[in-house]
Amino acid sequence: MKNDGKTFEDTFTSFCRKAGFRRTLQRKIVYGLFHGARRHLSVEDIMSLISKNNPELREESVYRILGDFEKAGYIRKVEVPGAKKYEYASERHGHFLCSRCGKILDVDISSIELPKSLTGISDISITFNGVCPDCAKRKRRTIA
């Protein structure tokens, strides 16, 4: 997310105004988890991050907020085998899914050129599978 000098409060207020949302503490908490961050969070991850300091925020509310944020274009759903996660809707990119630890990494796909004959593409989903650098290092250490 680009930094244009606005504070978190400014960007949250602007987002709510444009999306037609009331500014609520629950929305602000979920908005903050994705604001300026490159992370992939499941509902379980979100509940784990917020439940200690915000026990009043229920899972049903989180699902509703995520759905609203997705419709507004702030976040998007990333579905990989065995997981449904959400991420900040930044520039289009692919994902790498580690088959060992389940970590999801962003992959630049800007250099991929589609044939000109393909028109009307509304969405692209590219997922690479393999072993992430951290898991590869751990395996090399255990072999040595």
C-alpha atoms as a PDB file:
ATOM      1  CA  MET A   1       0.000   0.000   0.000  1.00  0.00           C
ATOM      2  CA  LYS A   2       1.408   3.352  -0.949  1.00  0.00           C
ATOM      3  CA  ASN A   3       2.146   5.881   1.753  1.00  0.00           C
ATOM      4  CA  ASP A   4       0.711   9.233   0.731  1.00  0.00           C
ATOM      5  CA  GLY A   5       1.185  10.925   4.105  1.00  0.00           C
ATOM      6  CA  LYS A   6      -2.237   9.936   5.424  1.00  0.00           C
ATOM      7  CA  THR A   7      -2.509   8.444   8.867  1.00  0.00           C
ATOM      8  CA  PHE A   8      -4.150   5.107   9.525  1.00  0.00           C
ATOM      9  CA  GLU A   9      -7.171   6.955  10.886  1.00  0.00           C
ATOM     10  CA  ASP A  10      -7.420   9.039   7.691  1.00  0.00           C
ATOM     11  CA  THR A  11      -7.239   6.024   5.401  1.00  0.00           C
ATOM     12  CA  PHE A  12      -9.775   4.086   7.460  1.00  0.00           C
ATOM     13  CA  THR A  13     -12.190   7.031   7.483  1.00  0.00           C
ATOM     14  CA  SER A  14     -11.761   7.558   3.743  1.00  0.00           C
ATOM     15  CA  PHE A  15     -12.283   3.862   3.011  1.00  0.00           C
ATOM     16  CA  CYS A  16     -15.490   3.736   5.092  1.00  0.00           C
ATOM     17  CA  ARG A  17     -16.830   6.866   3.448  1.00  0.00           C
ATOM     18  CA  LYS A  18     -16.175   5.554  -0.085  1.00  0.00           C
ATOM     19  CA  ALA A  19     -17.578   2.092   0.714  1.00  0.00           C
ATOM     20  CA  GLY A  20     -20.622   3.488   2.525  1.00  0.00           C
ATOM     21  CA  PHE A  21     -19.717   1.783   5.813  1.00  0.00           C
ATOM     22  CA  ARG A  22     -20.279   3.133   9.292  1.00  0.00           C
ATOM     23  CA  ARG A  23     -17.002   3.563  11.133  1.00  0.00           C
ATOM     24  CA  THR A  24     -17.112   0.912  13.849  1.00  0.00           C
ATOM     25  CA  LEU A  25     -14.452  -0.408  16.183  1.00  0.00           C
ATOM     26  CA  GLN A  26     -14.917  -3.925  14.751  1.00  0.00           C
ATOM     27  CA  ARG A  27     -14.287  -2.751  11.181  1.00  0.00           C
ATOM     28  CA  LYS A  28     -11.334  -0.668  12.311  1.00  0.00           C
ATOM     29  CA  ILE A  29      -9.723  -3.674  14.009  1.00  0.00           C
ATOM     30  CA  VAL A  30     -10.067  -5.918  10.929  1.00  0.00           C
ATOM     31  CA  TYR A  31      -9.044  -3.080   8.588  1.00  0.00           C
ATOM     32  CA  GLY A  32      -5.877  -2.598  10.650  1.00  0.00           C
ATOM     33  CA  LEU A  33      -4.808  -6.216  10.221  1.00  0.00           C
ATOM     34  CA  PHE A  34      -4.433  -5.697   6.474  1.00  0.00           C
ATOM     35  CA  HIS A  35      -3.488  -2.008   6.342  1.00  0.00           C
ATOM     36  CA  GLY A  36      -0.074  -1.700   4.700  1.00  0.00           C
ATOM     37  CA  ALA A  37       0.700  -5.362   5.321  1.00  0.00           C
ATOM     38  CA  ARG A  38       1.496  -8.247   3.033  1.00  0.00           C
ATOM     39  CA  ARG A  39      -0.051 -11.076   4.961  1.00  0.00           C
ATOM     40  CA  HIS A  40      -2.376 -13.963   4.285  1.00  0.00           C
ATOM     41  CA  LEU A  41      -4.827 -14.488   7.129  1.00  0.00           C
ATOM     42  CA  SER A  42      -7.550 -17.060   7.669  1.00  0.00           C
ATOM     43  CA  VAL A  43     -10.518 -16.293   9.904  1.00  0.00           C
ATOM     44  CA  GLU A  44      -8.823 -18.471  12.529  1.00  0.00           C
ATOM     45  CA  ASP A  45      -5.629 -16.373  12.224  1.00  0.00           C
ATOM     46  CA  ILE A  46      -7.658 -13.186  12.608  1.00  0.00           C
ATOM     47  CA  MET A  47      -9.507 -14.475  15.664  1.00  0.00           C
ATOM     48  CA  SER A  48      -6.212 -15.531  17.230  1.00  0.00           C
ATOM     49  CA  LEU A  49      -4.701 -12.086  16.635  1.00  0.00           C
ATOM     50  CA  ILE A  50      -7.631 -10.085  17.980  1.00  0.00           C
ATOM     51  CA  SER A  51      -9.373 -12.231  20.594  1.00  0.00           C
ATOM     52  CA  LYS A  52      -7.050 -11.434  23.500  1.00  0.00           C
ATOM     53  CA  ASN A  53      -7.503  -7.652  23.291  1.00  0.00           C
ATOM     54  CA  ASN A  54     -10.988  -7.667  21.726  1.00  0.00           C
ATOM     55  CA  PRO A  55     -12.986 -10.605  23.120  1.00  0.00           C
ATOM     56  CA  GLU A  56     -16.246  -8.861  22.135  1.00  0.00           C
ATOM     57  CA  LEU A  57     -15.473  -9.276  18.418  1.00  0.00           C
ATOM     58  CA  ARG A  58     -17.304 -12.449  17.381  1.00  0.00           C
ATOM     59  CA  GLU A  59     -16.330 -14.779  14.550  1.00  0.00           C
ATOM     60  CA  GLU A  60     -19.675 -14.153  12.798  1.00  0.00           C
ATOM     61  CA  SER A  61     -18.879 -10.427  12.730  1.00  0.00           C
ATOM     62  CA  VAL A  62     -15.421 -11.096  11.301  1.00  0.00           C
ATOM     63  CA  TYR A  63     -16.926 -13.170   8.465  1.00  0.00           C
ATOM     64  CA  ARG A  64     -19.420 -10.390   7.715  1.00  0.00           C
ATOM     65  CA  ILE A  65     -16.729  -7.691   7.770  1.00  0.00           C
ATOM     66  CA  LEU A  66     -14.439  -9.747   5.517  1.00  0.00           C
ATOM     67  CA  GLY A  67     -17.282 -10.221   3.039  1.00  0.00           C
ATOM     68  CA  ASP A  68     -18.018  -6.484   3.058  1.00  0.00           C
ATOM     69  CA  PHE A  69     -14.322  -5.601   2.662  1.00  0.00           C
ATOM     70  CA  GLU A  70     -13.979  -8.074  -0.203  1.00  0.00           C
ATOM     71  CA  LYS A  71     -16.998  -6.570  -2.022  1.00  0.00           C
ATOM     72  CA  ALA A  72     -15.505  -3.099  -1.496  1.00  0.00           C
ATOM     73  CA  GLY A  73     -12.207  -4.237  -3.063  1.00  0.00           C
ATOM     74  CA  TYR A  74     -10.056  -3.720   0.037  1.00  0.00           C
ATOM     75  CA  ILE A  75      -9.164  -7.396   0.455  1.00  0.00           C
ATOM     76  CA  ARG A  76      -9.462 -10.495  -1.672  1.00  0.00           C
ATOM     77  CA  LYS A  77      -9.870 -14.163  -0.924  1.00  0.00           C
ATOM     78  CA  VAL A  78      -6.951 -16.487  -1.613  1.00  0.00           C
ATOM     79  CA  GLU A  79      -8.031 -20.090  -1.893  1.00  0.00           C
ATOM     80  CA  VAL A  80      -5.258 -22.631  -1.794  1.00  0.00           C
ATOM     81  CA  PRO A  81      -5.602 -26.345  -1.083  1.00  0.00           C
ATOM     82  CA  GLY A  82      -6.711 -26.770   2.501  1.00  0.00           C
ATOM     83  CA  ALA A  83      -7.017 -23.067   3.295  1.00  0.00           C
ATOM     84  CA  LYS A  84      -9.096 -19.989   2.635  1.00  0.00           C
ATOM     85  CA  LYS A  85      -7.182 -16.844   3.475  1.00  0.00           C
ATOM     86  CA  TYR A  86      -7.568 -13.142   2.868  1.00  0.00           C
ATOM     87  CA  GLU A  87      -5.025 -10.549   1.783  1.00  0.00           C
ATOM     88  CA  TYR A  88      -4.867  -6.838   1.086  1.00  0.00           C
ATOM     89  CA  ALA A  89      -5.969  -6.319  -2.515  1.00  0.00           C
ATOM     90  CA  SER A  90      -2.741  -4.849  -3.833  1.00  0.00           C
ATOM     91  CA  GLU A  91      -1.417  -5.260  -7.352  1.00  0.00           C
ATOM     92  CA  ARG A  92      -2.145  -8.571  -9.000  1.00  0.00           C
ATOM     93  CA  HIS A  93       0.279 -11.314  -8.105  1.00  0.00           C
ATOM     94  CA  GLY A  94       0.498 -15.065  -7.872  1.00  0.00           C
ATOM     95  CA  HIS A  95       1.162 -17.201  -4.834  1.00  0.00           C
ATOM     96  CA  PHE A  96       3.647 -19.863  -3.807  1.00  0.00           C
ATOM     97  CA  LEU A  97       2.313 -22.463  -1.372  1.00  0.00           C
ATOM     98  CA  CYS A  98       4.835 -24.400   0.694  1.00  0.00           C
ATOM     99  CA  SER A  99       3.899 -28.065   0.779  1.00  0.00           C
ATOM    100  CA  ARG A 100       5.676 -28.525   4.120  1.00  0.00           C
ATOM    101  CA  CYS A 101       4.668 -25.634   6.370  1.00  0.00           C
ATOM    102  CA  GLY A 102       1.710 -24.187   4.440  1.00  0.00           C
ATOM    103  CA  LYS A 103       3.237 -20.718   4.200  1.00  0.00           C
ATOM    104  CA  ILE A 104       1.926 -18.553   1.357  1.00  0.00           C
ATOM    105  CA  LEU A 105       4.354 -16.212  -0.392  1.00  0.00           C
ATOM    106  CA  ASP A 106       3.523 -13.571  -2.995  1.00  0.00           C
ATOM    107  CA  VAL A 107       5.021 -14.047  -6.466  1.00  0.00           C
ATOM    108  CA  ASP A 108       5.412 -11.285  -9.059  1.00  0.00           C
ATOM    109  CA  ILE A 109       3.584 -12.324 -12.228  1.00  0.00           C
ATOM    110  CA  SER A 110       3.849  -9.010 -14.058  1.00  0.00           C
ATOM    111  CA  SER A 111       6.179 -10.471 -16.681  1.00  0.00           C
ATOM    112  CA  ILE A 112       3.671 -13.133 -17.763  1.00  0.00           C
ATOM    113  CA  GLU A 113       2.167 -12.210 -21.122  1.00  0.00           C
ATOM    114  CA  LEU A 114      -1.176 -13.621 -22.136  1.00  0.00           C
ATOM    115  CA  PRO A 115      -2.021 -14.226 -25.788  1.00  0.00           C
ATOM    116  CA  LYS A 116      -3.751 -11.220 -27.344  1.00  0.00           C
ATOM    117  CA  SER A 117      -6.598 -13.490 -28.461  1.00  0.00           C
ATOM    118  CA  LEU A 118      -7.699 -13.848 -24.816  1.00  0.00           C
ATOM    119  CA  THR A 119     -10.028 -10.992 -24.003  1.00  0.00           C
ATOM    120  CA  GLY A 120     -12.410 -10.210 -21.201  1.00  0.00           C
ATOM    121  CA  ILE A 121     -10.259 -11.751 -18.467  1.00  0.00           C
ATOM    122  CA  SER A 122     -11.771 -10.710 -15.159  1.00  0.00           C
ATOM    123  CA  ASP A 123      -9.441 -12.461 -12.740  1.00  0.00           C
ATOM    124  CA  ILE A 124      -6.186 -14.383 -12.682  1.00  0.00           C
ATOM    125  CA  SER A 125      -5.260 -17.011 -10.124  1.00  0.00           C
ATOM    126  CA  ILE A 126      -1.789 -18.546 -10.236  1.00  0.00           C
ATOM    127  CA  THR A 127      -0.473 -20.771  -7.455  1.00  0.00           C
ATOM    128  CA  PHE A 128       2.940 -22.409  -7.487  1.00  0.00           C
ATOM    129  CA  ASN A 129       3.566 -25.343  -5.139  1.00  0.00           C
ATOM    130  CA  GLY A 130       6.846 -26.478  -3.660  1.00  0.00           C
ATOM    131  CA  VAL A 131       9.101 -26.030  -0.642  1.00  0.00           C
ATOM    132  CA  CYS A 132       9.726 -22.533   0.716  1.00  0.00           C
ATOM    133  CA  PRO A 133      13.292 -21.297   1.364  1.00  0.00           C
ATOM    134  CA  ASP A 134      12.912 -21.678   5.168  1.00  0.00           C
ATOM    135  CA  CYS A 135      11.830 -25.318   4.924  1.00  0.00           C
ATOM    136  CA  ALA A 136      14.545 -26.028   2.359  1.00  0.00           C
ATOM    137  CA  LYS A 137      17.171 -24.623   4.754  1.00  0.00           C
ATOM    138  CA  ARG A 138      15.825 -26.713   7.645  1.00  0.00           C
ATOM    139  CA  LYS A 139      16.029 -29.864   5.537  1.00  0.00           C
ATOM    140  CA  ARG A 140      19.640 -29.113   4.505  1.00  0.00           C
ATOM    141  CA  ARG A 141      20.600 -28.583   8.166  1.00  0.00           C
ATOM    142  CA  THR A 142      19.088 -31.893   9.257  1.00  0.00           C
ATOM    143  CA  ILE A 143      20.938 -33.760   6.484  1.00  0.00           C
ATOM    144  CA  ALA A 144      24.346 -32.205   7.290  1.00  0.00           C
END
